[in-house]
Amino acid sequence: MIRSLRRRSYAVIALLALAIANAGPFDASPAEAGAVSTPSGPAFMETPPPLTATATPQPSGQIVKYAGQLLDYRDGFAFFTTGDAYRVNSNVKIDDAATGGPTSLVPETRVYARAGFDTGNGGIVELSLSEKRLPDDASYQDIKKFAVALSTPYANPDLVQGEGFSGKPVPVTFLVEVPPKTPFSDQIYLATDVSGWSSTAIRMDRVDALHYRVTRLLASGTVLRYRYTRGSWQSADDDQNGLAMKPRVLVVKNADYRVVRDIVYAWQDENQFLPDNGSTLPTPFNPVPFNLPPHR
């Protein structure tokens, strides 16, 4: 008997619970509910739009904002002082960086701007302008991938370790020591391939009885071939073996200043048995005279 009553009680409780569950929300009066409305269930599942997506009504991706200084703005592109160009969307919003409202500034050279990039298409959808430098919101590396024309990166040759060619003007001083037998009254000249091998191209200044010098400004990267003379090719420099000196070669590399130190061991006219290669008249020793140094 007791077991039968318990079973019936359990069945009644189960039926009451099922009825309450299917009855829906309790319709309480405003006084009983505290006059506070309860939002419907689906509202709790809505995701608010991202705060950075206010530049355009429907961005295709997230917005990344980069602050910099404009170099130019034309033909649908914005150029920053980084040297890079970025595409500007047709519906770009141009506003004031401080207020977000209309601005009297126009995007032009030297104006600071905070560009909002749509990560979906890489274009600029918002351009906030300012006359003062703006704080950084994103790094250059974050927006570099959106550039359509990157500047060519190269190291400043003046700051690079080692030697290279930059074309910078380099003062080069030629300092030469002449033989003791050199006549004191003679002038010493620097003949170069640049001057068409003229034997009197560059006159040198006397330092003392045995040393002469001259300074010329040469561009880095210049390859200069030169010889020393006393005004003609029959009095040009000889090497240590008594043979006509081959043209010396100078490669001008990056430097603030360069000194070239040379020694003339002898002059061609010191040997009386050598033919006169500088004469313009034919002789038995030189039937075809010339004024240029021989190619050796």
C-alpha atoms as a PDB file:
ATOM      1  CA  MET A   1       0.000   0.000   0.000  1.00  0.00           C
ATOM      2  CA  ILE A   2       2.758   2.435   0.967  1.00  0.00           C
ATOM      3  CA  ARG A   3       4.736   1.592  -2.142  1.00  0.00           C
ATOM      4  CA  SER A   4       1.692   2.292  -4.319  1.00  0.00           C
ATOM      5  CA  LEU A   5       1.198   5.726  -2.709  1.00  0.00           C
ATOM      6  CA  ARG A   6       4.854   6.626  -3.255  1.00  0.00           C
ATOM      7  CA  ARG A   7       4.650   5.712  -6.919  1.00  0.00           C
ATOM      8  CA  ARG A   8       1.574   7.872  -7.383  1.00  0.00           C
ATOM      9  CA  SER A   9       3.259  10.808  -5.602  1.00  0.00           C
ATOM     10  CA  TYR A  10       6.294  10.606  -7.858  1.00  0.00           C
ATOM     11  CA  ALA A  11       4.085  10.553 -10.936  1.00  0.00           C
ATOM     12  CA  VAL A  12       2.169  13.664  -9.796  1.00  0.00           C
ATOM     13  CA  ILE A  13       5.415  15.579  -9.095  1.00  0.00           C
ATOM     14  CA  ALA A  14       6.755  14.654 -12.543  1.00  0.00           C
ATOM     15  CA  LEU A  15       3.570  15.863 -14.231  1.00  0.00           C
ATOM     16  CA  LEU A  16       3.669  19.181 -12.335  1.00  0.00           C
ATOM     17  CA  ALA A  17       7.324  19.772 -13.307  1.00  0.00           C
ATOM     18  CA  LEU A  18       6.562  19.085 -16.968  1.00  0.00           C
ATOM     19  CA  ALA A  19       3.593  21.482 -16.884  1.00  0.00           C
ATOM     20  CA  ILE A  20       5.690  24.282 -15.337  1.00  0.00           C
ATOM     21  CA  ALA A  21       8.459  23.827 -17.921  1.00  0.00           C
ATOM     22  CA  ASN A  22       6.001  24.129 -20.826  1.00  0.00           C
ATOM     23  CA  ALA A  23       4.186  27.095 -19.339  1.00  0.00           C
ATOM     24  CA  GLY A  24       6.845  29.698 -20.504  1.00  0.00           C
ATOM     25  CA  PRO A  25       8.206  32.654 -18.514  1.00  0.00           C
ATOM     26  CA  PHE A  26       6.334  33.803 -15.462  1.00  0.00           C
ATOM     27  CA  ASP A  27       4.317  36.939 -16.266  1.00  0.00           C
ATOM     28  CA  ALA A  28       4.987  38.993 -13.201  1.00  0.00           C
ATOM     29  CA  SER A  29       3.554  42.415 -12.664  1.00  0.00           C
ATOM     30  CA  PRO A  30       5.819  45.483 -12.844  1.00  0.00           C
ATOM     31  CA  ALA A  31       5.696  45.867  -9.084  1.00  0.00           C
ATOM     32  CA  GLU A  32       6.698  42.269  -8.481  1.00  0.00           C
ATOM     33  CA  ALA A  33       9.498  42.353 -11.155  1.00  0.00           C
ATOM     34  CA  GLY A  34      10.909  45.662  -9.982  1.00  0.00           C
ATOM     35  CA  ALA A  35       9.869  47.351 -13.278  1.00  0.00           C
ATOM     36  CA  VAL A  36      13.078  46.092 -14.946  1.00  0.00           C
ATOM     37  CA  SER A  37      12.604  44.676 -18.424  1.00  0.00           C
ATOM     38  CA  THR A  38      14.561  41.572 -19.289  1.00  0.00           C
ATOM     39  CA  PRO A  39      16.150  41.487 -22.775  1.00  0.00           C
ATOM     40  CA  SER A  40      15.247  38.618 -24.992  1.00  0.00           C
ATOM     41  CA  GLY A  41      17.562  35.658 -25.306  1.00  0.00           C
ATOM     42  CA  PRO A  42      19.031  36.336 -28.798  1.00  0.00           C
ATOM     43  CA  ALA A  43      20.281  39.796 -27.734  1.00  0.00           C
ATOM     44  CA  PHE A  44      22.825  38.226 -25.419  1.00  0.00           C
ATOM     45  CA  MET A  45      24.407  36.415 -28.422  1.00  0.00           C
ATOM     46  CA  GLU A  46      25.007  39.523 -30.587  1.00  0.00           C
ATOM     47  CA  THR A  47      28.687  40.515 -31.065  1.00  0.00           C
ATOM     48  CA  PRO A  48      29.300  44.278 -31.053  1.00  0.00           C
ATOM     49  CA  PRO A  49      31.175  45.661 -34.085  1.00  0.00           C
ATOM     50  CA  PRO A  50      34.888  46.292 -33.586  1.00  0.00           C
ATOM     51  CA  LEU A  51      35.670  49.771 -32.296  1.00  0.00           C
ATOM     52  CA  THR A  52      38.285  50.311 -34.992  1.00  0.00           C
ATOM     53  CA  ALA A  53      35.841  49.621 -37.815  1.00  0.00           C
ATOM     54  CA  THR A  54      34.226  53.062 -37.772  1.00  0.00           C
ATOM     55  CA  ALA A  55      36.134  54.429 -40.780  1.00  0.00           C
ATOM     56  CA  THR A  56      33.976  52.667 -43.321  1.00  0.00           C
ATOM     57  CA  PRO A  57      30.471  51.218 -42.895  1.00  0.00           C
ATOM     58  CA  GLN A  58      31.406  47.778 -44.176  1.00  0.00           C
ATOM     59  CA  PRO A  59      35.147  47.034 -43.959  1.00  0.00           C
ATOM     60  CA  SER A  60      36.171  43.784 -45.539  1.00  0.00           C
ATOM     61  CA  GLY A  61      38.616  43.159 -42.721  1.00  0.00           C
ATOM     62  CA  GLN A  62      39.965  44.712 -39.553  1.00  0.00           C
ATOM     63  CA  ILE A  63      41.349  48.264 -39.497  1.00  0.00           C
ATOM     64  CA  VAL A  64      45.004  48.965 -38.726  1.00  0.00           C
ATOM     65  CA  LYS A  65      45.974  52.582 -38.155  1.00  0.00           C
ATOM     66  CA  TYR A  66      49.424  53.950 -38.934  1.00  0.00           C
ATOM     67  CA  ALA A  67      50.613  57.490 -38.251  1.00  0.00           C
ATOM     68  CA  GLY A  68      53.187  59.201 -40.456  1.00  0.00           C
ATOM     69  CA  GLN A  69      53.940  62.233 -42.589  1.00  0.00           C
ATOM     70  CA  LEU A  70      52.664  62.548 -46.132  1.00  0.00           C
ATOM     71  CA  LEU A  71      55.061  63.006 -49.007  1.00  0.00           C
ATOM     72  CA  ASP A  72      52.344  63.267 -51.674  1.00  0.00           C
ATOM     73  CA  TYR A  73      48.697  62.409 -52.314  1.00  0.00           C
ATOM     74  CA  ARG A  74      47.497  61.965 -55.888  1.00  0.00           C
ATOM     75  CA  ASP A  75      45.877  59.619 -58.421  1.00  0.00           C
ATOM     76  CA  GLY A  76      44.360  57.427 -55.725  1.00  0.00           C
ATOM     77  CA  PHE A  77      47.617  56.845 -53.834  1.00  0.00           C
ATOM     78  CA  ALA A  78      49.096  58.206 -50.623  1.00  0.00           C
ATOM     79  CA  PHE A  79      52.877  58.502 -50.415  1.00  0.00           C
ATOM     80  CA  PHE A  80      54.520  58.638 -47.006  1.00  0.00           C
ATOM     81  CA  THR A  81      58.006  59.870 -46.150  1.00  0.00           C
ATOM     82  CA  THR A  82      59.072  56.233 -45.813  1.00  0.00           C
ATOM     83  CA  GLY A  83      59.154  56.280 -49.620  1.00  0.00           C
ATOM     84  CA  ASP A  84      56.251  53.830 -49.947  1.00  0.00           C
ATOM     85  CA  ALA A  85      52.969  54.262 -51.836  1.00  0.00           C
ATOM     86  CA  TYR A  86      49.617  52.930 -50.616  1.00  0.00           C
ATOM     87  CA  ARG A  87      46.336  52.606 -52.479  1.00  0.00           C
ATOM     88  CA  VAL A  88      43.472  54.808 -51.248  1.00  0.00           C
ATOM     89  CA  ASN A  89      39.921  53.430 -51.424  1.00  0.00           C
ATOM     90  CA  SER A  90      37.403  55.460 -53.436  1.00  0.00           C
ATOM     91  CA  ASN A  91      35.162  55.941 -50.370  1.00  0.00           C
ATOM     92  CA  VAL A  92      38.006  57.123 -48.123  1.00  0.00           C
ATOM     93  CA  LYS A  93      36.972  59.211 -45.142  1.00  0.00           C
ATOM     94  CA  ILE A  94      39.133  62.314 -44.586  1.00  0.00           C
ATOM     95  CA  ASP A  95      38.677  63.937 -41.186  1.00  0.00           C
ATOM     96  CA  ASP A  96      40.411  65.782 -38.362  1.00  0.00           C
ATOM     97  CA  ALA A  97      42.751  63.627 -36.307  1.00  0.00           C
ATOM     98  CA  ALA A  98      41.852  65.372 -33.047  1.00  0.00           C
ATOM     99  CA  THR A  99      38.059  65.559 -33.331  1.00  0.00           C
ATOM    100  CA  GLY A 100      37.147  62.986 -35.952  1.00  0.00           C
ATOM    101  CA  GLY A 101      35.015  65.611 -37.654  1.00  0.00           C
ATOM    102  CA  PRO A 102      35.477  67.702 -40.796  1.00  0.00           C
ATOM    103  CA  THR A 103      38.874  69.295 -41.353  1.00  0.00           C
ATOM    104  CA  SER A 104      40.150  72.279 -43.300  1.00  0.00           C
ATOM    105  CA  LEU A 105      43.437  70.499 -43.995  1.00  0.00           C
ATOM    106  CA  VAL A 106      44.044  68.749 -47.278  1.00  0.00           C
ATOM    107  CA  PRO A 107      46.322  65.731 -47.728  1.00  0.00           C
ATOM    108  CA  GLU A 108      49.530  67.181 -49.123  1.00  0.00           C
ATOM    109  CA  THR A 109      53.262  67.263 -48.558  1.00  0.00           C
ATOM    110  CA  ARG A 110      54.390  67.716 -44.925  1.00  0.00           C
ATOM    111  CA  VAL A 111      50.916  67.126 -43.459  1.00  0.00           C
ATOM    112  CA  TYR A 112      50.763  64.454 -40.775  1.00  0.00           C
ATOM    113  CA  ALA A 113      48.163  61.731 -41.210  1.00  0.00           C
ATOM    114  CA  ARG A 114      46.841  58.677 -39.434  1.00  0.00           C
ATOM    115  CA  ALA A 115      45.885  56.205 -42.133  1.00  0.00           C
ATOM    116  CA  GLY A 116      43.350  53.473 -41.433  1.00  0.00           C
ATOM    117  CA  PHE A 117      44.168  50.396 -43.528  1.00  0.00           C
ATOM    118  CA  ASP A 118      41.498  47.811 -44.306  1.00  0.00           C
ATOM    119  CA  THR A 119      43.326  44.520 -43.826  1.00  0.00           C
ATOM    120  CA  GLY A 120      40.890  42.875 -46.217  1.00  0.00           C
ATOM    121  CA  ASN A 121      42.025  44.753 -49.327  1.00  0.00           C
ATOM    122  CA  GLY A 122      45.054  46.678 -48.040  1.00  0.00           C
ATOM    123  CA  GLY A 123      43.595  50.057 -49.012  1.00  0.00           C
ATOM    124  CA  ILE A 124      43.317  53.213 -46.924  1.00  0.00           C
ATOM    125  CA  VAL A 125      39.710  53.774 -45.828  1.00  0.00           C
ATOM    126  CA  GLU A 126      40.316  56.645 -43.401  1.00  0.00           C
ATOM    127  CA  LEU A 127      42.830  59.490 -43.411  1.00  0.00           C
ATOM    128  CA  SER A 128      42.911  61.642 -40.279  1.00  0.00           C
ATOM    129  CA  LEU A 129      44.955  64.810 -40.822  1.00  0.00           C
ATOM    130  CA  SER A 130      46.950  66.963 -38.412  1.00  0.00           C
ATOM    131  CA  GLU A 131      49.536  69.737 -38.469  1.00  0.00           C
ATOM    132  CA  LYS A 132      51.439  68.054 -35.641  1.00  0.00           C
ATOM    133  CA  ARG A 133      53.073  64.667 -35.342  1.00  0.00           C
ATOM    134  CA  LEU A 134      50.621  61.949 -34.326  1.00  0.00           C
ATOM    135  CA  PRO A 135      51.299  59.089 -31.917  1.00  0.00           C
ATOM    136  CA  ASP A 136      51.888  55.675 -33.416  1.00  0.00           C
ATOM    137  CA  ASP A 137      49.043  53.157 -33.309  1.00  0.00           C
ATOM    138  CA  ALA A 138      50.738  50.529 -35.449  1.00  0.00           C
ATOM    139  CA  SER A 139      54.319  49.950 -36.513  1.00  0.00           C
ATOM    140  CA  TYR A 140      55.707  50.345 -40.009  1.00  0.00           C
ATOM    141  CA  GLN A 141      56.115  46.580 -40.235  1.00  0.00           C
ATOM    142  CA  ASP A 142      52.357  46.170 -39.704  1.00  0.00           C
ATOM    143  CA  ILE A 143      51.462  48.138 -42.844  1.00  0.00           C
ATOM    144  CA  LYS A 144      54.535  47.575 -45.024  1.00  0.00           C
ATOM    145  CA  LYS A 145      52.859  44.587 -46.689  1.00  0.00           C
ATOM    146  CA  PHE A 146      50.112  46.887 -48.047  1.00  0.00           C
ATOM    147  CA  ALA A 147      52.580  49.027 -50.007  1.00  0.00           C
ATOM    148  CA  VAL A 148      52.214  48.885 -53.775  1.00  0.00           C
ATOM    149  CA  ALA A 149      55.544  50.610 -54.408  1.00  0.00           C
ATOM    150  CA  LEU A 150      58.265  50.003 -51.875  1.00  0.00           C
ATOM    151  CA  SER A 151      61.310  52.212 -51.638  1.00  0.00           C
ATOM    152  CA  THR A 152      64.532  50.429 -52.550  1.00  0.00           C
ATOM    153  CA  PRO A 153      66.418  49.825 -49.309  1.00  0.00           C
ATOM    154  CA  TYR A 154      70.154  50.291 -49.418  1.00  0.00           C
ATOM    155  CA  ALA A 155      72.725  51.130 -46.822  1.00  0.00           C
ATOM    156  CA  ASN A 156      74.250  54.562 -46.727  1.00  0.00           C
ATOM    157  CA  PRO A 157      77.725  53.979 -48.212  1.00  0.00           C
ATOM    158  CA  ASP A 158      79.169  56.608 -45.878  1.00  0.00           C
ATOM    159  CA  LEU A 159      78.076  54.509 -42.894  1.00  0.00           C
ATOM    160  CA  VAL A 160      78.890  51.036 -44.178  1.00  0.00           C
ATOM    161  CA  GLN A 161      81.971  49.328 -42.857  1.00  0.00           C
ATOM    162  CA  GLY A 162      84.556  48.570 -45.483  1.00  0.00           C
ATOM    163  CA  GLU A 163      85.156  50.038 -48.910  1.00  0.00           C
ATOM    164  CA  GLY A 164      82.768  50.590 -51.775  1.00  0.00           C
ATOM    165  CA  PHE A 165      81.830  53.015 -54.506  1.00  0.00           C
ATOM    166  CA  SER A 166      79.316  55.801 -53.950  1.00  0.00           C
ATOM    167  CA  GLY A 167      80.482  58.514 -56.346  1.00  0.00           C
ATOM    168  CA  LYS A 168      81.210  60.908 -53.480  1.00  0.00           C
ATOM    169  CA  PRO A 169      84.016  63.425 -54.120  1.00  0.00           C
ATOM    170  CA  VAL A 170      87.250  62.335 -52.453  1.00  0.00           C
ATOM    171  CA  PRO A 171      90.278  64.679 -52.132  1.00  0.00           C
ATOM    172  CA  VAL A 172      93.283  62.677 -53.359  1.00  0.00           C
ATOM    173  CA  THR A 173      96.808  63.958 -52.727  1.00  0.00           C
ATOM    174  CA  PHE A 174      99.628  62.614 -54.894  1.00  0.00           C
ATOM    175  CA  LEU A 175     102.979  62.812 -53.078  1.00  0.00           C
ATOM    176  CA  VAL A 176     106.017  61.689 -55.099  1.00  0.00           C
ATOM    177  CA  GLU A 177     109.687  61.357 -54.239  1.00  0.00           C
ATOM    178  CA  VAL A 178     112.043  61.997 -57.210  1.00  0.00           C
ATOM    179  CA  PRO A 179     115.658  60.825 -57.742  1.00  0.00           C
ATOM    180  CA  PRO A 180     118.450  62.953 -56.235  1.00  0.00           C
ATOM    181  CA  LYS A 181     119.813  63.629 -59.753  1.00  0.00           C
ATOM    182  CA  THR A 182     116.617  65.428 -60.743  1.00  0.00           C
ATOM    183  CA  PRO A 183     117.506  68.958 -61.924  1.00  0.00           C
ATOM    184  CA  PHE A 184     116.310  71.413 -59.313  1.00  0.00           C
ATOM    185  CA  SER A 185     115.019  73.807 -61.949  1.00  0.00           C
ATOM    186  CA  ASP A 186     112.778  71.191 -63.633  1.00  0.00           C
ATOM    187  CA  GLN A 187     109.039  70.947 -63.031  1.00  0.00           C
ATOM    188  CA  ILE A 188     107.306  67.660 -62.206  1.00  0.00           C
ATOM    189  CA  TYR A 189     103.990  66.806 -63.883  1.00  0.00           C
ATOM    190  CA  LEU A 190     101.296  64.194 -63.454  1.00  0.00           C
ATOM    191  CA  ALA A 191     100.162  62.672 -66.766  1.00  0.00           C
ATOM    192  CA  THR A 192      96.885  60.713 -66.747  1.00  0.00           C
ATOM    193  CA  ASP A 193      94.675  58.799 -69.144  1.00  0.00           C
ATOM    194  CA  VAL A 194      91.902  61.272 -68.336  1.00  0.00           C
ATOM    195  CA  SER A 195      93.991  64.091 -69.854  1.00  0.00           C
ATOM    196  CA  GLY A 196      94.797  62.136 -72.996  1.00  0.00           C
ATOM    197  CA  TRP A 197      98.261  61.316 -71.640  1.00  0.00           C
ATOM    198  CA  SER A 198      99.444  64.889 -71.980  1.00  0.00           C
ATOM    199  CA  SER A 199     102.950  64.998 -70.511  1.00  0.00           C
ATOM    200  CA  THR A 200     102.230  68.375 -68.881  1.00  0.00           C
ATOM    201  CA  ALA A 201      98.629  67.740 -67.785  1.00  0.00           C
ATOM    202  CA  ILE A 202      98.913  68.478 -64.042  1.00  0.00           C
ATOM    203  CA  ARG A 203     101.757  70.515 -62.634  1.00  0.00           C
ATOM    204  CA  MET A 204     102.847  69.479 -59.158  1.00  0.00           C
ATOM    205  CA  ASP A 205     103.984  71.751 -56.321  1.00  0.00           C
ATOM    206  CA  ARG A 206     107.432  71.429 -54.813  1.00  0.00           C
ATOM    207  CA  VAL A 207     107.538  70.379 -51.142  1.00  0.00           C
ATOM    208  CA  ASP A 208     111.323  70.199 -50.825  1.00  0.00           C
ATOM    209  CA  ALA A 209     114.297  69.200 -52.973  1.00  0.00           C
ATOM    210  CA  LEU A 210     113.041  65.638 -53.519  1.00  0.00           C
ATOM    211  CA  HIS A 211     109.269  65.782 -52.956  1.00  0.00           C
ATOM    212  CA  TYR A 212     106.370  67.156 -54.984  1.00  0.00           C
ATOM    213  CA  ARG A 213     102.665  67.072 -54.358  1.00  0.00           C
ATOM    214  CA  VAL A 214      99.301  67.931 -55.879  1.00  0.00           C
ATOM    215  CA  THR A 215      95.705  67.407 -54.732  1.00  0.00           C
ATOM    216  CA  ARG A 216      92.762  66.655 -56.987  1.00  0.00           C
ATOM    217  CA  LEU A 217      89.076  65.942 -56.238  1.00  0.00           C
ATOM    218  CA  LEU A 218      88.141  62.534 -57.693  1.00  0.00           C
ATOM    219  CA  ALA A 219      84.812  60.727 -57.490  1.00  0.00           C
ATOM    220  CA  SER A 220      84.636  57.468 -55.583  1.00  0.00           C
ATOM    221  CA  GLY A 221      84.735  54.635 -58.119  1.00  0.00           C
ATOM    222  CA  THR A 222      87.192  56.366 -60.453  1.00  0.00           C
ATOM    223  CA  VAL A 223      89.907  54.158 -61.952  1.00  0.00           C
ATOM    224  CA  LEU A 224      92.819  56.456 -62.780  1.00  0.00           C
ATOM    225  CA  ARG A 225      95.980  55.511 -64.720  1.00  0.00           C
ATOM    226  CA  TYR A 226      98.897  57.906 -64.427  1.00  0.00           C
ATOM    227  CA  ARG A 227     102.668  58.478 -64.751  1.00  0.00           C
ATOM    228  CA  TYR A 228     105.129  61.153 -63.697  1.00  0.00           C
ATOM    229  CA  THR A 229     107.119  63.280 -66.170  1.00  0.00           C
ATOM    230  CA  ARG A 230     109.408  66.286 -66.231  1.00  0.00           C
ATOM    231  CA  GLY A 231     107.441  67.846 -69.065  1.00  0.00           C
ATOM    232  CA  SER A 232     107.950  65.362 -71.929  1.00  0.00           C
ATOM    233  CA  TRP A 233     107.801  61.644 -72.516  1.00  0.00           C
ATOM    234  CA  GLN A 234     111.554  61.319 -73.036  1.00  0.00           C
ATOM    235  CA  SER A 235     111.843  62.493 -69.412  1.00  0.00           C
ATOM    236  CA  ALA A 236     109.115  60.222 -68.019  1.00  0.00           C
ATOM    237  CA  ASP A 237     109.614  57.951 -65.021  1.00  0.00           C
ATOM    238  CA  ASP A 238     111.440  54.610 -65.153  1.00  0.00           C
ATOM    239  CA  ASP A 239     111.004  51.627 -62.876  1.00  0.00           C
ATOM    240  CA  GLN A 240     113.686  50.068 -60.666  1.00  0.00           C
ATOM    241  CA  ASN A 241     114.970  47.976 -63.571  1.00  0.00           C
ATOM    242  CA  GLY A 242     115.622  50.991 -65.784  1.00  0.00           C
ATOM    243  CA  LEU A 243     112.644  50.189 -68.027  1.00  0.00           C
ATOM    244  CA  ALA A 244     109.860  52.574 -68.907  1.00  0.00           C
ATOM    245  CA  MET A 245     107.357  52.647 -66.090  1.00  0.00           C
ATOM    246  CA  LYS A 246     104.004  51.034 -66.767  1.00  0.00           C
ATOM    247  CA  PRO A 247     101.066  53.316 -65.949  1.00  0.00           C
ATOM    248  CA  ARG A 248     100.275  53.262 -62.266  1.00  0.00           C
ATOM    249  CA  VAL A 249      96.643  52.430 -61.407  1.00  0.00           C
ATOM    250  CA  LEU A 250      94.619  54.132 -58.688  1.00  0.00           C
ATOM    251  CA  VAL A 251      91.125  52.991 -57.688  1.00  0.00           C
ATOM    252  CA  VAL A 252      89.376  55.712 -55.695  1.00  0.00           C
ATOM    253  CA  LYS A 253      87.271  54.188 -52.936  1.00  0.00           C
ATOM    254  CA  ASN A 254      85.072  55.722 -50.261  1.00  0.00           C
ATOM    255  CA  ALA A 255      87.169  57.857 -47.943  1.00  0.00           C
ATOM    256  CA  ASP A 256      87.201  61.312 -46.461  1.00  0.00           C
ATOM    257  CA  TYR A 257      90.744  61.859 -47.723  1.00  0.00           C
ATOM    258  CA  ARG A 258      93.309  59.810 -49.634  1.00  0.00           C
ATOM    259  CA  VAL A 259      97.112  60.159 -49.893  1.00  0.00           C
ATOM    260  CA  VAL A 260      98.995  58.339 -52.664  1.00  0.00           C
ATOM    261  CA  ARG A 261     102.755  58.000 -52.042  1.00  0.00           C
ATOM    262  CA  ASP A 262     104.968  57.114 -55.030  1.00  0.00           C
ATOM    263  CA  ILE A 263     108.693  56.938 -55.763  1.00  0.00           C
ATOM    264  CA  VAL A 264     110.355  57.727 -59.090  1.00  0.00           C
ATOM    265  CA  TYR A 265     113.577  55.688 -59.205  1.00  0.00           C
ATOM    266  CA  ALA A 266     114.933  57.202 -62.442  1.00  0.00           C
ATOM    267  CA  TRP A 267     114.031  59.286 -65.489  1.00  0.00           C
ATOM    268  CA  GLN A 268     114.212  57.995 -69.028  1.00  0.00           C
ATOM    269  CA  ASP A 269     116.557  60.745 -70.223  1.00  0.00           C
ATOM    270  CA  GLU A 270     119.102  59.825 -67.569  1.00  0.00           C
ATOM    271  CA  ASN A 271     120.230  56.942 -69.839  1.00  0.00           C
ATOM    272  CA  GLN A 272     121.913  58.438 -72.912  1.00  0.00           C
ATOM    273  CA  PHE A 273     121.716  55.170 -74.849  1.00  0.00           C
ATOM    274  CA  LEU A 274     117.893  55.097 -74.965  1.00  0.00           C
ATOM    275  CA  PRO A 275     116.177  56.399 -78.130  1.00  0.00           C
ATOM    276  CA  ASP A 276     114.395  59.722 -77.974  1.00  0.00           C
ATOM    277  CA  ASN A 277     110.779  58.510 -77.926  1.00  0.00           C
ATOM    278  CA  GLY A 278     109.477  62.017 -77.386  1.00  0.00           C
ATOM    279  CA  SER A 279     110.935  63.583 -80.542  1.00  0.00           C
ATOM    280  CA  THR A 280     108.602  64.578 -83.327  1.00  0.00           C
ATOM    281  CA  LEU A 281     111.301  64.067 -86.006  1.00  0.00           C
ATOM    282  CA  PRO A 282     112.190  60.631 -87.397  1.00  0.00           C
ATOM    283  CA  THR A 283     115.591  59.292 -86.393  1.00  0.00           C
ATOM    284  CA  PRO A 284     117.423  56.020 -87.090  1.00  0.00           C
ATOM    285  CA  PHE A 285     116.510  54.931 -83.579  1.00  0.00           C
ATOM    286  CA  ASN A 286     112.893  56.095 -83.798  1.00  0.00           C
ATOM    287  CA  PRO A 287     111.569  56.046 -87.378  1.00  0.00           C
ATOM    288  CA  VAL A 288     107.930  56.473 -86.234  1.00  0.00           C
ATOM    289  CA  PRO A 289     107.928  59.081 -83.475  1.00  0.00           C
ATOM    290  CA  PHE A 290     104.986  59.485 -81.129  1.00  0.00           C
ATOM    291  CA  ASN A 291     104.171  61.501 -78.040  1.00  0.00           C
ATOM    292  CA  LEU A 292     102.092  58.918 -76.191  1.00  0.00           C
ATOM    293  CA  PRO A 293     103.665  56.387 -73.848  1.00  0.00           C
ATOM    294  CA  PRO A 294     104.092  52.958 -75.405  1.00  0.00           C
ATOM    295  CA  HIS A 295     101.575  50.235 -74.471  1.00  0.00           C
ATOM    296  CA  ARG A 296     103.375  47.540 -72.555  1.00  0.00           C
END
